[in-house]
Amino acid sequence: MTDEAKPVTPEPAAQQPQFPTDYSQLSTIYTNFCRVSVTPEELVLDFGLNTQISPNPTEPIKLSHRVVMNFYTAKRLMNALLGVVSQYENNYGVLELDFQRRARTQPRTAGQPQSGFRPA
């Protein structure tokens, strides 16, 4: 994994002006949890790492980063995320968000036993 993510290139019709960017203070984190809160003027995103496998975690999720943005920036972020997720799904298939359904439909890899047992 590299320290810098490649910038997303939007479709030509939706081309935004390119602004110079400085990556010297950029930090990278991994997150698998995001909580969204709103105020009348801003959107607040809290990110953290959920280390629990069970649906009812026994320990709290440690939040590590908070991003606060106005709704204009939130809408631009939403459009960018919709674009890249749609492109990903077009290339690799639909992302199933329901864990139980995803576990049932995942293809078997070469190293898995060929028994008829399937977890419920």
C-alpha atoms as a PDB file:
ATOM      1  CA  MET A   1       0.000   0.000   0.000  1.00  0.00           C
ATOM      2  CA  THR A   2       1.397   3.412  -0.849  1.00  0.00           C
ATOM      3  CA  ASP A   3       1.282   6.473   1.362  1.00  0.00           C
ATOM      4  CA  GLU A   4      -0.495   8.485  -1.304  1.00  0.00           C
ATOM      5  CA  ALA A   5      -3.822   7.505  -2.822  1.00  0.00           C
ATOM      6  CA  LYS A   6      -4.270   8.165  -6.502  1.00  0.00           C
ATOM      7  CA  PRO A   7      -6.682  11.042  -7.135  1.00  0.00           C
ATOM      8  CA  VAL A   8     -10.011  10.118  -8.671  1.00  0.00           C
ATOM      9  CA  THR A   9     -10.454  11.418 -12.204  1.00  0.00           C
ATOM     10  CA  PRO A  10     -14.088  12.448 -12.766  1.00  0.00           C
ATOM     11  CA  GLU A  11     -15.864  11.969 -16.057  1.00  0.00           C
ATOM     12  CA  PRO A  12     -14.981  14.675 -18.641  1.00  0.00           C
ATOM     13  CA  ALA A  13     -18.476  16.222 -18.491  1.00  0.00           C
ATOM     14  CA  ALA A  14     -18.151  16.747 -14.720  1.00  0.00           C
ATOM     15  CA  GLN A  15     -14.524  17.928 -14.815  1.00  0.00           C
ATOM     16  CA  GLN A  16     -13.725  20.139 -11.830  1.00  0.00           C
ATOM     17  CA  PRO A  17     -10.918  22.695 -11.855  1.00  0.00           C
ATOM     18  CA  GLN A  18      -7.641  21.209 -10.594  1.00  0.00           C
ATOM     19  CA  PHE A  19      -6.215  22.882  -7.487  1.00  0.00           C
ATOM     20  CA  PRO A  20      -2.602  22.536  -6.384  1.00  0.00           C
ATOM     21  CA  THR A  21      -2.344  20.236  -3.349  1.00  0.00           C
ATOM     22  CA  ASP A  22       0.321  19.761  -0.675  1.00  0.00           C
ATOM     23  CA  TYR A  23       0.636  16.180   0.656  1.00  0.00           C
ATOM     24  CA  SER A  24       3.449  16.954   3.145  1.00  0.00           C
ATOM     25  CA  GLN A  25       1.187  16.786   6.247  1.00  0.00           C
ATOM     26  CA  LEU A  26      -1.090  13.981   5.007  1.00  0.00           C
ATOM     27  CA  SER A  27      -1.639  11.045   7.354  1.00  0.00           C
ATOM     28  CA  THR A  28      -3.257   7.754   6.357  1.00  0.00           C
ATOM     29  CA  ILE A  29      -5.571   5.690   8.543  1.00  0.00           C
ATOM     30  CA  TYR A  30      -7.660   2.577   8.007  1.00  0.00           C
ATOM     31  CA  THR A  31     -11.285   2.734   9.097  1.00  0.00           C
ATOM     32  CA  ASN A  32     -14.127   0.247   9.001  1.00  0.00           C
ATOM     33  CA  PHE A  33     -16.568   2.368  11.003  1.00  0.00           C
ATOM     34  CA  CYS A  34     -18.080   5.774  10.273  1.00  0.00           C
ATOM     35  CA  ARG A  35     -20.695   7.669  12.267  1.00  0.00           C
ATOM     36  CA  VAL A  36     -22.500  10.582  10.625  1.00  0.00           C
ATOM     37  CA  SER A  37     -23.884  13.530  12.611  1.00  0.00           C
ATOM     38  CA  VAL A  38     -25.289  16.814  11.393  1.00  0.00           C
ATOM     39  CA  THR A  39     -25.780  20.354  12.584  1.00  0.00           C
ATOM     40  CA  PRO A  40     -27.900  22.900  10.734  1.00  0.00           C
ATOM     41  CA  GLU A  41     -24.797  24.077   8.850  1.00  0.00           C
ATOM     42  CA  GLU A  42     -22.322  21.179   8.871  1.00  0.00           C
ATOM     43  CA  LEU A  43     -21.864  17.454   8.402  1.00  0.00           C
ATOM     44  CA  VAL A  44     -19.667  15.627  10.935  1.00  0.00           C
ATOM     45  CA  LEU A  45     -18.012  12.287  10.099  1.00  0.00           C
ATOM     46  CA  ASP A  46     -16.356  10.307  12.919  1.00  0.00           C
ATOM     47  CA  PHE A  47     -14.061   7.473  11.839  1.00  0.00           C
ATOM     48  CA  GLY A  48     -12.736   4.570  13.850  1.00  0.00           C
ATOM     49  CA  LEU A  49     -11.755   0.935  13.923  1.00  0.00           C
ATOM     50  CA  ASN A  50     -14.231  -1.753  14.997  1.00  0.00           C
ATOM     51  CA  THR A  51     -12.200  -4.791  16.087  1.00  0.00           C
ATOM     52  CA  GLN A  52     -15.223  -6.833  17.237  1.00  0.00           C
ATOM     53  CA  ILE A  53     -16.608  -9.540  14.962  1.00  0.00           C
ATOM     54  CA  SER A  54     -19.903  -9.952  16.808  1.00  0.00           C
ATOM     55  CA  PRO A  55     -22.864  -7.744  15.865  1.00  0.00           C
ATOM     56  CA  ASN A  56     -23.103  -6.501  19.478  1.00  0.00           C
ATOM     57  CA  PRO A  57     -19.590  -5.367  20.387  1.00  0.00           C
ATOM     58  CA  THR A  58     -18.602  -5.670  24.040  1.00  0.00           C
ATOM     59  CA  GLU A  59     -15.956  -2.973  23.888  1.00  0.00           C
ATOM     60  CA  PRO A  60     -16.495   0.535  22.535  1.00  0.00           C
ATOM     61  CA  ILE A  61     -15.322   1.411  19.030  1.00  0.00           C
ATOM     62  CA  LYS A  62     -12.340   3.728  19.345  1.00  0.00           C
ATOM     63  CA  LEU A  63     -12.924   6.789  17.193  1.00  0.00           C
ATOM     64  CA  SER A  64      -9.699   8.272  15.863  1.00  0.00           C
ATOM     65  CA  HIS A  65     -10.564  11.016  13.365  1.00  0.00           C
ATOM     66  CA  ARG A  66     -13.323  13.563  12.886  1.00  0.00           C
ATOM     67  CA  VAL A  67     -13.999  15.398   9.631  1.00  0.00           C
ATOM     68  CA  VAL A  68     -16.311  18.402   9.690  1.00  0.00           C
ATOM     69  CA  MET A  69     -17.505  19.940   6.433  1.00  0.00           C
ATOM     70  CA  ASN A  70     -20.221  22.206   5.117  1.00  0.00           C
ATOM     71  CA  PHE A  71     -23.022  20.709   3.055  1.00  0.00           C
ATOM     72  CA  TYR A  72     -21.612  22.015  -0.244  1.00  0.00           C
ATOM     73  CA  THR A  73     -18.403  20.062   0.347  1.00  0.00           C
ATOM     74  CA  ALA A  74     -20.459  17.080   1.576  1.00  0.00           C
ATOM     75  CA  LYS A  75     -22.417  17.052  -1.682  1.00  0.00           C
ATOM     76  CA  ARG A  76     -19.211  17.165  -3.733  1.00  0.00           C
ATOM     77  CA  LEU A  77     -17.856  14.273  -1.626  1.00  0.00           C
ATOM     78  CA  MET A  78     -21.114  12.338  -2.097  1.00  0.00           C
ATOM     79  CA  ASN A  79     -20.939  12.755  -5.878  1.00  0.00           C
ATOM     80  CA  ALA A  80     -17.284  11.679  -5.953  1.00  0.00           C
ATOM     81  CA  LEU A  81     -17.993   8.602  -3.812  1.00  0.00           C
ATOM     82  CA  LEU A  82     -21.049   7.655  -5.888  1.00  0.00           C
ATOM     83  CA  GLY A  83     -18.924   7.876  -9.018  1.00  0.00           C
ATOM     84  CA  VAL A  84     -16.039   5.743  -7.789  1.00  0.00           C
ATOM     85  CA  VAL A  85     -18.274   3.116  -6.124  1.00  0.00           C
ATOM     86  CA  SER A  86     -20.386   2.850  -9.305  1.00  0.00           C
ATOM     87  CA  GLN A  87     -17.239   2.441 -11.381  1.00  0.00           C
ATOM     88  CA  TYR A  88     -15.955  -0.232  -8.970  1.00  0.00           C
ATOM     89  CA  GLU A  89     -19.255  -2.133  -9.106  1.00  0.00           C
ATOM     90  CA  ASN A  90     -19.315  -1.942 -12.911  1.00  0.00           C
ATOM     91  CA  ASN A  91     -15.835  -3.490 -13.010  1.00  0.00           C
ATOM     92  CA  TYR A  92     -16.057  -6.029 -10.169  1.00  0.00           C
ATOM     93  CA  GLY A  93     -19.739  -6.584  -9.329  1.00  0.00           C
ATOM     94  CA  VAL A  94     -22.222  -5.218  -6.822  1.00  0.00           C
ATOM     95  CA  LEU A  95     -20.989  -4.677  -3.269  1.00  0.00           C
ATOM     96  CA  GLU A  96     -23.353  -6.517  -0.901  1.00  0.00           C
ATOM     97  CA  LEU A  97     -23.680  -4.600   2.373  1.00  0.00           C
ATOM     98  CA  ASP A  98     -25.629  -7.308   4.240  1.00  0.00           C
ATOM     99  CA  PHE A  99     -22.898  -9.426   5.868  1.00  0.00           C
ATOM    100  CA  GLN A 100     -25.085 -12.547   6.212  1.00  0.00           C
ATOM    101  CA  ARG A 101     -26.082 -12.460   2.529  1.00  0.00           C
ATOM    102  CA  ARG A 102     -22.487 -11.729   1.485  1.00  0.00           C
ATOM    103  CA  ALA A 103     -21.160 -14.684   3.508  1.00  0.00           C
ATOM    104  CA  ARG A 104     -23.692 -17.047   1.882  1.00  0.00           C
ATOM    105  CA  THR A 105     -22.956 -15.967  -1.698  1.00  0.00           C
ATOM    106  CA  GLN A 106     -19.153 -15.663  -1.574  1.00  0.00           C
ATOM    107  CA  PRO A 107     -17.476 -18.045  -4.025  1.00  0.00           C
ATOM    108  CA  ARG A 108     -15.343 -20.798  -2.531  1.00  0.00           C
ATOM    109  CA  THR A 109     -11.572 -20.410  -2.882  1.00  0.00           C
ATOM    110  CA  ALA A 110      -9.275 -23.228  -4.014  1.00  0.00           C
ATOM    111  CA  GLY A 111      -8.045 -23.999  -0.470  1.00  0.00           C
ATOM    112  CA  GLN A 112     -11.501 -24.538   1.062  1.00  0.00           C
ATOM    113  CA  PRO A 113     -12.827 -28.077   1.665  1.00  0.00           C
ATOM    114  CA  GLN A 114     -15.465 -29.357  -0.741  1.00  0.00           C
ATOM    115  CA  SER A 115     -17.820 -30.638   2.000  1.00  0.00           C
ATOM    116  CA  GLY A 116     -21.503 -29.782   1.914  1.00  0.00           C
ATOM    117  CA  PHE A 117     -21.211 -27.841   5.185  1.00  0.00           C
ATOM    118  CA  ARG A 118     -22.170 -24.175   4.938  1.00  0.00           C
ATOM    119  CA  PRO A 119     -22.262 -21.922   7.993  1.00  0.00           C
ATOM    120  CA  ALA A 120     -25.741 -20.635   8.836  1.00  0.00           C
END
